[in-house]
Amino acid sequence: MKDDLHLDEIDRKLLRALQHDASQSHAALAEWVGASPASCWRRIKALEAAGVLRENVRLVDAEKVGRGVNVMCQLRMKSHATAQRQEFEAFLRGRPEIMECHSMSGEWDYLMRVVVADVTGYERFLMGTLLNHPNVANAASHFALNQVKYTTAMPV
C-alpha cells in the first residue's frame, strides 16, 4: 500500500466502519467487514503507514461547549510574497477559533471557518485580532444560520 495505493472492497468497508465508529474492537470490525480480526489489524496498520488513516479523534458538540456560532470568513492579503504568506499561515494555525482554513483561487485569498460563542466574540476576534494582522487587507464574514449537513466521513 505504499506508492501504488490500491484499496480493495474490504479496505473500503473498513474505512467506512472506522469513520462510523473508530472505537470498535478489531473483532467487531472484522464482523462488519467480513474478515478476521488479525487481518483487520494488519489492514489498519497498513492504512496508517500509507497515510490513509490519520489520527483518532472524538467529535465535540460545539454548542455544548459554548462555540455554537459558525462564521465563514473570506480574507484578502496585502501581499502574496512567500514570507508573508508563511508567517500569516503560521499565525492562523495558532488560532483555536479557526477550525478550517483554505487557500483559495479567485477574488479571495483564504476561506476560514471560525467558531465562537456569540457575535460579540466574533467581533472581538475579527476587529481585535484578524484585521489587526499586518498582512490582512480586508475580510468578509458570513454567519451560518443553520447547519444543514456536517460530516467528517470521507466517501470511500
N, C-alpha and C. Protein backbone atom coordinates (compact mmCIF):
# COMPACT_ATOMS: atom_id res chain seq x y z
N MET A 1 0.81 -1.20 0.00
CA MET A 1 0.00 0.00 0.00
C MET A 1 0.85 1.26 0.00
N LYS A 2 2.01 1.23 -0.47
CA LYS A 2 2.89 2.40 -0.42
C LYS A 2 2.54 3.39 -1.53
N ASP A 3 3.34 3.47 -2.59
CA ASP A 3 3.15 4.45 -3.64
C ASP A 3 1.98 4.11 -4.56
N ASP A 4 1.77 2.83 -4.82
CA ASP A 4 0.70 2.42 -5.72
C ASP A 4 -0.50 1.95 -4.90
N LEU A 5 -1.04 2.82 -4.06
CA LEU A 5 -2.12 2.51 -3.15
C LEU A 5 -3.32 1.96 -3.90
N HIS A 6 -3.73 0.76 -3.53
CA HIS A 6 -4.92 0.14 -4.10
C HIS A 6 -5.80 -0.29 -2.93
N LEU A 7 -6.99 0.25 -2.87
CA LEU A 7 -7.93 -0.12 -1.83
C LEU A 7 -8.91 -1.14 -2.38
N ASP A 8 -8.94 -2.32 -1.77
CA ASP A 8 -9.94 -3.30 -2.21
C ASP A 8 -11.23 -3.06 -1.43
N GLU A 9 -12.24 -3.89 -1.69
CA GLU A 9 -13.55 -3.66 -1.06
C GLU A 9 -13.49 -3.84 0.46
N ILE A 10 -12.65 -4.74 0.96
CA ILE A 10 -12.53 -4.89 2.42
C ILE A 10 -11.91 -3.64 3.03
N ASP A 11 -10.87 -3.09 2.38
CA ASP A 11 -10.28 -1.83 2.86
C ASP A 11 -11.34 -0.73 2.91
N ARG A 12 -12.15 -0.63 1.86
CA ARG A 12 -13.18 0.41 1.80
C ARG A 12 -14.24 0.20 2.88
N LYS A 13 -14.64 -1.03 3.11
CA LYS A 13 -15.60 -1.33 4.19
C LYS A 13 -14.99 -0.96 5.54
N LEU A 14 -13.72 -1.29 5.70
CA LEU A 14 -13.02 -0.98 6.94
C LEU A 14 -12.96 0.53 7.16
N LEU A 15 -12.64 1.28 6.12
CA LEU A 15 -12.60 2.74 6.24
C LEU A 15 -13.98 3.30 6.59
N ARG A 16 -15.03 2.78 5.96
CA ARG A 16 -16.38 3.26 6.28
C ARG A 16 -16.74 2.93 7.73
N ALA A 17 -16.39 1.73 8.17
CA ALA A 17 -16.70 1.32 9.55
C ALA A 17 -15.94 2.18 10.56
N LEU A 18 -14.67 2.43 10.31
CA LEU A 18 -13.88 3.25 11.23
C LEU A 18 -14.38 4.69 11.27
N GLN A 19 -14.82 5.22 10.14
CA GLN A 19 -15.36 6.58 10.12
C GLN A 19 -16.70 6.66 10.85
N HIS A 20 -17.41 5.55 10.87
CA HIS A 20 -18.68 5.50 11.59
C HIS A 20 -18.45 5.42 13.09
N ASP A 21 -17.51 4.57 13.51
CA ASP A 21 -17.22 4.39 14.93
C ASP A 21 -15.82 3.80 15.09
N ALA A 22 -14.86 4.65 15.35
CA ALA A 22 -13.46 4.21 15.45
C ALA A 22 -13.15 3.50 16.76
N SER A 23 -14.11 3.47 17.68
CA SER A 23 -13.84 2.81 18.96
C SER A 23 -14.17 1.33 18.94
N GLN A 24 -14.63 0.81 17.81
CA GLN A 24 -14.97 -0.61 17.71
C GLN A 24 -13.74 -1.50 17.91
N SER A 25 -13.95 -2.65 18.48
CA SER A 25 -12.87 -3.62 18.63
C SER A 25 -12.53 -4.21 17.26
N HIS A 26 -11.35 -4.83 17.19
CA HIS A 26 -10.98 -5.49 15.94
C HIS A 26 -11.96 -6.61 15.61
N ALA A 27 -12.49 -7.28 16.64
CA ALA A 27 -13.46 -8.35 16.41
C ALA A 27 -14.74 -7.79 15.80
N ALA A 28 -15.22 -6.66 16.32
CA ALA A 28 -16.44 -6.03 15.78
C ALA A 28 -16.19 -5.54 14.36
N LEU A 29 -15.04 -4.97 14.12
CA LEU A 29 -14.70 -4.51 12.76
C LEU A 29 -14.62 -5.69 11.81
N ALA A 30 -14.03 -6.78 12.27
CA ALA A 30 -13.89 -7.97 11.42
C ALA A 30 -15.26 -8.49 11.02
N GLU A 31 -16.17 -8.52 11.97
CA GLU A 31 -17.53 -8.98 11.66
C GLU A 31 -18.20 -8.03 10.66
N TRP A 32 -18.00 -6.73 10.85
CA TRP A 32 -18.59 -5.71 9.98
C TRP A 32 -18.11 -5.85 8.53
N VAL A 33 -16.81 -6.10 8.36
CA VAL A 33 -16.22 -6.11 7.01
C VAL A 33 -16.07 -7.51 6.42
N GLY A 34 -16.28 -8.55 7.22
CA GLY A 34 -16.17 -9.90 6.71
C GLY A 34 -14.73 -10.39 6.59
N ALA A 35 -13.93 -10.11 7.61
CA ALA A 35 -12.53 -10.55 7.62
C ALA A 35 -12.19 -10.99 9.05
N SER A 36 -11.01 -11.53 9.24
CA SER A 36 -10.60 -11.94 10.59
C SER A 36 -10.09 -10.72 11.36
N PRO A 37 -10.14 -10.79 12.70
CA PRO A 37 -9.60 -9.69 13.50
C PRO A 37 -8.13 -9.40 13.19
N ALA A 38 -7.32 -10.46 13.00
CA ALA A 38 -5.89 -10.27 12.69
C ALA A 38 -5.73 -9.56 11.35
N SER A 39 -6.53 -9.93 10.38
CA SER A 39 -6.49 -9.28 9.06
C SER A 39 -6.88 -7.81 9.17
N CYS A 40 -7.91 -7.53 9.96
CA CYS A 40 -8.33 -6.12 10.16
C CYS A 40 -7.20 -5.32 10.80
N TRP A 41 -6.56 -5.91 11.81
CA TRP A 41 -5.46 -5.21 12.48
C TRP A 41 -4.35 -4.90 11.48
N ARG A 42 -3.96 -5.90 10.66
CA ARG A 42 -2.91 -5.69 9.66
C ARG A 42 -3.32 -4.62 8.65
N ARG A 43 -4.56 -4.67 8.21
CA ARG A 43 -5.03 -3.68 7.24
C ARG A 43 -5.03 -2.27 7.83
N ILE A 44 -5.46 -2.15 9.07
CA ILE A 44 -5.46 -0.83 9.73
C ILE A 44 -4.04 -0.31 9.83
N LYS A 45 -3.11 -1.16 10.24
CA LYS A 45 -1.70 -0.74 10.34
C LYS A 45 -1.16 -0.32 8.97
N ALA A 46 -1.52 -1.06 7.92
CA ALA A 46 -1.07 -0.71 6.56
C ALA A 46 -1.69 0.61 6.10
N LEU A 47 -2.97 0.82 6.42
CA LEU A 47 -3.62 2.08 6.05
C LEU A 47 -3.02 3.26 6.81
N GLU A 48 -2.64 3.03 8.06
CA GLU A 48 -1.96 4.07 8.84
C GLU A 48 -0.60 4.37 8.23
N ALA A 49 0.16 3.34 7.91
CA ALA A 49 1.50 3.52 7.33
C ALA A 49 1.44 4.24 5.99
N ALA A 50 0.38 4.00 5.23
CA ALA A 50 0.23 4.65 3.92
C ALA A 50 -0.29 6.07 4.05
N GLY A 51 -0.67 6.47 5.27
CA GLY A 51 -1.19 7.83 5.46
C GLY A 51 -2.67 7.98 5.13
N VAL A 52 -3.34 6.86 4.84
CA VAL A 52 -4.77 6.92 4.55
C VAL A 52 -5.55 7.19 5.84
N LEU A 53 -5.19 6.49 6.90
CA LEU A 53 -5.78 6.73 8.22
C LEU A 53 -4.86 7.65 9.00
N ARG A 54 -5.44 8.69 9.50
CA ARG A 54 -4.66 9.64 10.30
C ARG A 54 -5.05 9.49 11.77
N GLU A 55 -4.91 10.55 12.55
CA GLU A 55 -5.14 10.46 13.98
C GLU A 55 -6.59 10.08 14.34
N ASN A 56 -6.74 9.45 15.50
CA ASN A 56 -8.07 9.13 16.04
C ASN A 56 -8.52 10.29 16.90
N VAL A 57 -9.76 10.72 16.70
CA VAL A 57 -10.28 11.85 17.47
C VAL A 57 -11.70 11.55 17.92
N ARG A 58 -12.20 12.33 18.87
CA ARG A 58 -13.61 12.30 19.26
C ARG A 58 -14.18 13.65 18.87
N LEU A 59 -15.38 13.65 18.33
CA LEU A 59 -16.03 14.87 17.89
C LEU A 59 -16.74 15.52 19.07
N VAL A 60 -16.59 16.82 19.19
CA VAL A 60 -17.18 17.59 20.29
C VAL A 60 -18.35 18.40 19.75
N ASP A 61 -19.45 18.42 20.48
CA ASP A 61 -20.62 19.21 20.11
C ASP A 61 -20.31 20.68 20.42
N ALA A 62 -20.21 21.49 19.37
CA ALA A 62 -19.81 22.90 19.51
C ALA A 62 -20.74 23.69 20.42
N GLU A 63 -22.04 23.50 20.28
CA GLU A 63 -22.99 24.24 21.11
C GLU A 63 -22.84 23.90 22.58
N LYS A 64 -22.58 22.63 22.88
CA LYS A 64 -22.48 22.20 24.28
C LYS A 64 -21.23 22.71 24.96
N VAL A 65 -20.25 23.17 24.18
CA VAL A 65 -19.04 23.74 24.78
C VAL A 65 -18.96 25.25 24.52
N GLY A 66 -20.10 25.83 24.20
CA GLY A 66 -20.17 27.28 24.07
C GLY A 66 -19.53 27.85 22.81
N ARG A 67 -19.52 27.09 21.71
CA ARG A 67 -18.97 27.56 20.44
C ARG A 67 -19.98 27.32 19.32
N GLY A 68 -21.22 27.75 19.54
CA GLY A 68 -22.31 27.46 18.63
C GLY A 68 -22.45 28.37 17.43
N VAL A 69 -21.62 29.40 17.32
CA VAL A 69 -21.73 30.32 16.18
C VAL A 69 -20.62 30.00 15.18
N ASN A 70 -21.04 29.66 13.96
CA ASN A 70 -20.13 29.35 12.85
C ASN A 70 -20.09 30.54 11.90
N VAL A 71 -18.90 31.00 11.59
CA VAL A 71 -18.75 32.11 10.67
C VAL A 71 -17.79 31.69 9.55
N MET A 72 -18.22 31.91 8.31
CA MET A 72 -17.34 31.71 7.17
C MET A 72 -16.72 33.07 6.88
N CYS A 73 -15.42 33.13 6.91
CA CYS A 73 -14.71 34.40 6.74
C CYS A 73 -13.81 34.30 5.51
N GLN A 74 -14.05 35.19 4.56
CA GLN A 74 -13.18 35.30 3.40
C GLN A 74 -12.18 36.40 3.69
N LEU A 75 -10.95 36.18 3.26
CA LEU A 75 -9.90 37.11 3.63
C LEU A 75 -9.01 37.42 2.44
N ARG A 76 -8.64 38.67 2.31
CA ARG A 76 -7.72 39.09 1.25
C ARG A 76 -6.44 39.62 1.89
N MET A 77 -5.31 39.21 1.30
CA MET A 77 -4.00 39.60 1.80
C MET A 77 -3.50 40.88 1.15
N LYS A 78 -2.65 41.60 1.86
CA LYS A 78 -1.99 42.77 1.28
C LYS A 78 -0.86 42.36 0.35
N SER A 79 -0.18 41.27 0.70
CA SER A 79 0.95 40.81 -0.08
C SER A 79 0.87 39.30 -0.24
N HIS A 80 1.30 38.83 -1.41
CA HIS A 80 1.33 37.39 -1.67
C HIS A 80 2.76 36.84 -1.65
N ALA A 81 3.67 37.61 -1.13
CA ALA A 81 5.06 37.16 -1.04
C ALA A 81 5.15 35.94 -0.13
N THR A 82 6.05 35.04 -0.44
CA THR A 82 6.18 33.78 0.27
C THR A 82 6.35 33.97 1.77
N ALA A 83 7.22 34.85 2.18
CA ALA A 83 7.49 35.05 3.61
C ALA A 83 6.24 35.54 4.34
N GLN A 84 5.49 36.45 3.73
CA GLN A 84 4.28 36.97 4.37
C GLN A 84 3.20 35.89 4.45
N ARG A 85 3.07 35.10 3.41
CA ARG A 85 2.08 34.00 3.43
C ARG A 85 2.43 32.99 4.50
N GLN A 86 3.70 32.60 4.57
CA GLN A 86 4.11 31.61 5.57
C GLN A 86 3.90 32.12 6.99
N GLU A 87 4.23 33.37 7.22
CA GLU A 87 4.05 33.96 8.54
C GLU A 87 2.57 34.02 8.89
N PHE A 88 1.74 34.43 7.94
CA PHE A 88 0.31 34.52 8.19
C PHE A 88 -0.30 33.14 8.43
N GLU A 89 0.09 32.15 7.66
CA GLU A 89 -0.45 30.80 7.84
C GLU A 89 -0.03 30.21 9.19
N ALA A 90 1.15 30.53 9.65
CA ALA A 90 1.58 30.10 10.99
C ALA A 90 0.70 30.77 12.04
N PHE A 91 0.40 32.05 11.86
CA PHE A 91 -0.50 32.78 12.75
C PHE A 91 -1.87 32.10 12.79
N LEU A 92 -2.42 31.74 11.61
CA LEU A 92 -3.74 31.10 11.53
C LEU A 92 -3.75 29.76 12.26
N ARG A 93 -2.70 28.96 12.06
CA ARG A 93 -2.64 27.64 12.71
C ARG A 93 -2.63 27.75 14.23
N GLY A 94 -2.19 28.87 14.75
CA GLY A 94 -2.14 29.08 16.20
C GLY A 94 -3.42 29.62 16.80
N ARG A 95 -4.45 29.87 15.98
CA ARG A 95 -5.71 30.43 16.47
C ARG A 95 -6.73 29.31 16.67
N PRO A 96 -7.10 29.00 17.91
CA PRO A 96 -8.01 27.87 18.15
C PRO A 96 -9.42 28.08 17.60
N GLU A 97 -9.86 29.30 17.45
CA GLU A 97 -11.21 29.53 16.94
C GLU A 97 -11.34 29.28 15.44
N ILE A 98 -10.21 29.20 14.75
CA ILE A 98 -10.23 28.88 13.32
C ILE A 98 -10.19 27.36 13.18
N MET A 99 -11.31 26.80 12.77
CA MET A 99 -11.44 25.35 12.65
C MET A 99 -10.90 24.84 11.33
N GLU A 100 -11.08 25.62 10.28
CA GLU A 100 -10.60 25.24 8.95
C GLU A 100 -10.12 26.50 8.27
N CYS A 101 -9.13 26.35 7.41
CA CYS A 101 -8.66 27.45 6.59
C CYS A 101 -8.16 26.88 5.27
N HIS A 102 -8.64 27.46 4.20
CA HIS A 102 -8.27 27.01 2.86
C HIS A 102 -7.70 28.18 2.07
N SER A 103 -6.57 27.96 1.44
CA SER A 103 -6.03 28.92 0.49
C SER A 103 -6.86 28.78 -0.77
N MET A 104 -7.33 29.90 -1.31
CA MET A 104 -8.33 29.85 -2.38
C MET A 104 -7.82 30.48 -3.67
N SER A 105 -8.42 30.06 -4.76
CA SER A 105 -8.24 30.75 -6.04
C SER A 105 -9.36 31.77 -6.14
N GLY A 106 -9.22 32.72 -7.03
CA GLY A 106 -10.29 33.69 -7.24
C GLY A 106 -10.06 34.99 -6.49
N GLU A 107 -11.16 35.65 -6.20
CA GLU A 107 -11.13 37.00 -5.62
C GLU A 107 -10.55 37.05 -4.21
N TRP A 108 -10.83 36.03 -3.40
CA TRP A 108 -10.36 36.00 -2.02
C TRP A 108 -9.18 35.04 -1.89
N ASP A 109 -8.29 35.35 -0.95
CA ASP A 109 -7.08 34.53 -0.77
C ASP A 109 -7.30 33.34 0.16
N TYR A 110 -8.12 33.51 1.19
CA TYR A 110 -8.38 32.45 2.16
C TYR A 110 -9.86 32.40 2.49
N LEU A 111 -10.31 31.19 2.82
CA LEU A 111 -11.65 30.97 3.34
C LEU A 111 -11.48 30.20 4.64
N MET A 112 -12.05 30.76 5.71
CA MET A 112 -11.91 30.15 7.03
C MET A 112 -13.27 29.85 7.62
N ARG A 113 -13.32 28.81 8.43
CA ARG A 113 -14.50 28.56 9.27
C ARG A 113 -14.07 28.85 10.69
N VAL A 114 -14.76 29.81 11.30
CA VAL A 114 -14.42 30.27 12.64
C VAL A 114 -15.59 29.91 13.56
N VAL A 115 -15.29 29.34 14.72
CA VAL A 115 -16.33 29.06 15.70
C VAL A 115 -16.12 29.92 16.93
N VAL A 116 -17.20 30.54 17.37
CA VAL A 116 -17.17 31.43 18.53
C VAL A 116 -18.44 31.23 19.35
N ALA A 117 -18.48 31.83 20.52
CA ALA A 117 -19.65 31.71 21.39
C ALA A 117 -20.81 32.57 20.90
N ASP A 118 -20.49 33.76 20.40
CA ASP A 118 -21.55 34.69 20.02
C ASP A 118 -20.99 35.74 19.06
N VAL A 119 -21.86 36.62 18.59
CA VAL A 119 -21.45 37.65 17.63
C VAL A 119 -20.41 38.57 18.24
N THR A 120 -20.54 38.88 19.50
CA THR A 120 -19.57 39.74 20.18
C THR A 120 -18.19 39.08 20.18
N GLY A 121 -18.15 37.79 20.41
CA GLY A 121 -16.88 37.07 20.38
C GLY A 121 -16.25 37.12 19.00
N TYR A 122 -17.08 37.02 17.96
CA TYR A 122 -16.54 37.10 16.60
C TYR A 122 -16.04 38.51 16.31
N GLU A 123 -16.79 39.52 16.72
CA GLU A 123 -16.35 40.90 16.50
C GLU A 123 -15.01 41.14 17.18
N ARG A 124 -14.85 40.63 18.37
CA ARG A 124 -13.59 40.79 19.11
C ARG A 124 -12.44 40.11 18.34
N PHE A 125 -12.69 38.90 17.83
CA PHE A 125 -11.67 38.20 17.06
C PHE A 125 -11.36 38.93 15.76
N LEU A 126 -12.41 39.32 15.02
CA LEU A 126 -12.22 39.97 13.73
C LEU A 126 -11.53 41.32 13.88
N MET A 127 -12.09 42.18 14.70
CA MET A 127 -11.58 43.55 14.81
C MET A 127 -10.30 43.64 15.63
N GLY A 128 -10.21 42.83 16.67
CA GLY A 128 -9.06 42.93 17.57
C GLY A 128 -7.87 42.07 17.17
N THR A 129 -8.10 41.04 16.39
CA THR A 129 -7.02 40.11 16.07
C THR A 129 -6.78 40.03 14.57
N LEU A 130 -7.77 39.55 13.84
CA LEU A 130 -7.58 39.26 12.42
C LEU A 130 -7.28 40.49 11.59
N LEU A 131 -8.11 41.51 11.69
CA LEU A 131 -7.89 42.71 10.88
C LEU A 131 -6.71 43.55 11.36
N ASN A 132 -6.21 43.26 12.55
CA ASN A 132 -5.01 43.94 13.04
C ASN A 132 -3.73 43.30 12.54
N HIS A 133 -3.84 42.13 11.92
CA HIS A 133 -2.65 41.46 11.41
C HIS A 133 -2.08 42.29 10.26
N PRO A 134 -0.78 42.52 10.21
CA PRO A 134 -0.19 43.41 9.20
C PRO A 134 -0.33 42.91 7.75
N ASN A 135 -0.60 41.63 7.54
CA ASN A 135 -0.73 41.11 6.18
C ASN A 135 -2.16 41.06 5.67
N VAL A 136 -3.13 41.43 6.50
CA VAL A 136 -4.54 41.34 6.11
C VAL A 136 -5.01 42.67 5.51
N ALA A 137 -5.55 42.58 4.30
CA ALA A 137 -6.10 43.78 3.66
C ALA A 137 -7.55 43.98 4.08
N ASN A 138 -8.39 42.95 3.91
CA ASN A 138 -9.78 43.04 4.33
C ASN A 138 -10.39 41.66 4.44
N ALA A 139 -11.62 41.64 4.96
CA ALA A 139 -12.31 40.37 5.18
C ALA A 139 -13.80 40.57 4.98
N ALA A 140 -14.47 39.48 4.64
CA ALA A 140 -15.93 39.45 4.53
C ALA A 140 -16.41 38.27 5.37
N SER A 141 -17.44 38.50 6.17
CA SER A 141 -17.93 37.47 7.08
C SER A 141 -19.35 37.06 6.72
N HIS A 142 -19.61 35.76 6.85
CA HIS A 142 -20.93 35.20 6.57
C HIS A 142 -21.29 34.29 7.74
N PHE A 143 -22.37 34.64 8.45
CA PHE A 143 -22.79 33.86 9.61
C PHE A 143 -23.70 32.72 9.18
N ALA A 144 -23.39 31.52 9.62
CA ALA A 144 -24.22 30.36 9.33
C ALA A 144 -25.48 30.44 10.18
N LEU A 145 -26.64 30.32 9.53
CA LEU A 145 -27.91 30.36 10.25
C LEU A 145 -28.27 28.99 10.80
N ASN A 146 -27.96 27.96 10.02
CA ASN A 146 -28.31 26.60 10.40
C ASN A 146 -27.33 25.65 9.73
N GLN A 147 -26.94 24.62 10.44
CA GLN A 147 -26.05 23.63 9.86
C GLN A 147 -26.91 22.54 9.21
N VAL A 148 -26.99 22.57 7.90
CA VAL A 148 -27.83 21.65 7.15
C VAL A 148 -27.18 20.28 7.06
N LYS A 149 -25.86 20.26 6.87
CA LYS A 149 -25.13 19.00 6.82
C LYS A 149 -23.74 19.21 7.41
N TYR A 150 -23.29 18.23 8.15
CA TYR A 150 -21.93 18.23 8.67
C TYR A 150 -21.49 16.78 8.76
N THR A 151 -20.36 16.49 8.20
CA THR A 151 -19.80 15.15 8.31
C THR A 151 -18.29 15.23 8.27
N THR A 152 -17.67 14.27 8.89
CA THR A 152 -16.22 14.13 8.77
C THR A 152 -15.89 12.87 7.99
N ALA A 153 -16.92 12.13 7.58
CA ALA A 153 -16.72 10.86 6.88
C ALA A 153 -16.43 11.10 5.40
N MET A 154 -15.27 10.65 4.97
CA MET A 154 -14.86 10.74 3.57
C MET A 154 -15.54 9.63 2.79
N PRO A 155 -16.17 9.94 1.66
CA PRO A 155 -16.77 8.86 0.86
C PRO A 155 -15.68 7.96 0.27
N VAL A 156 -15.75 6.69 0.57
CA VAL A 156 -14.77 5.72 0.04
C VAL A 156 -15.49 4.52 -0.56
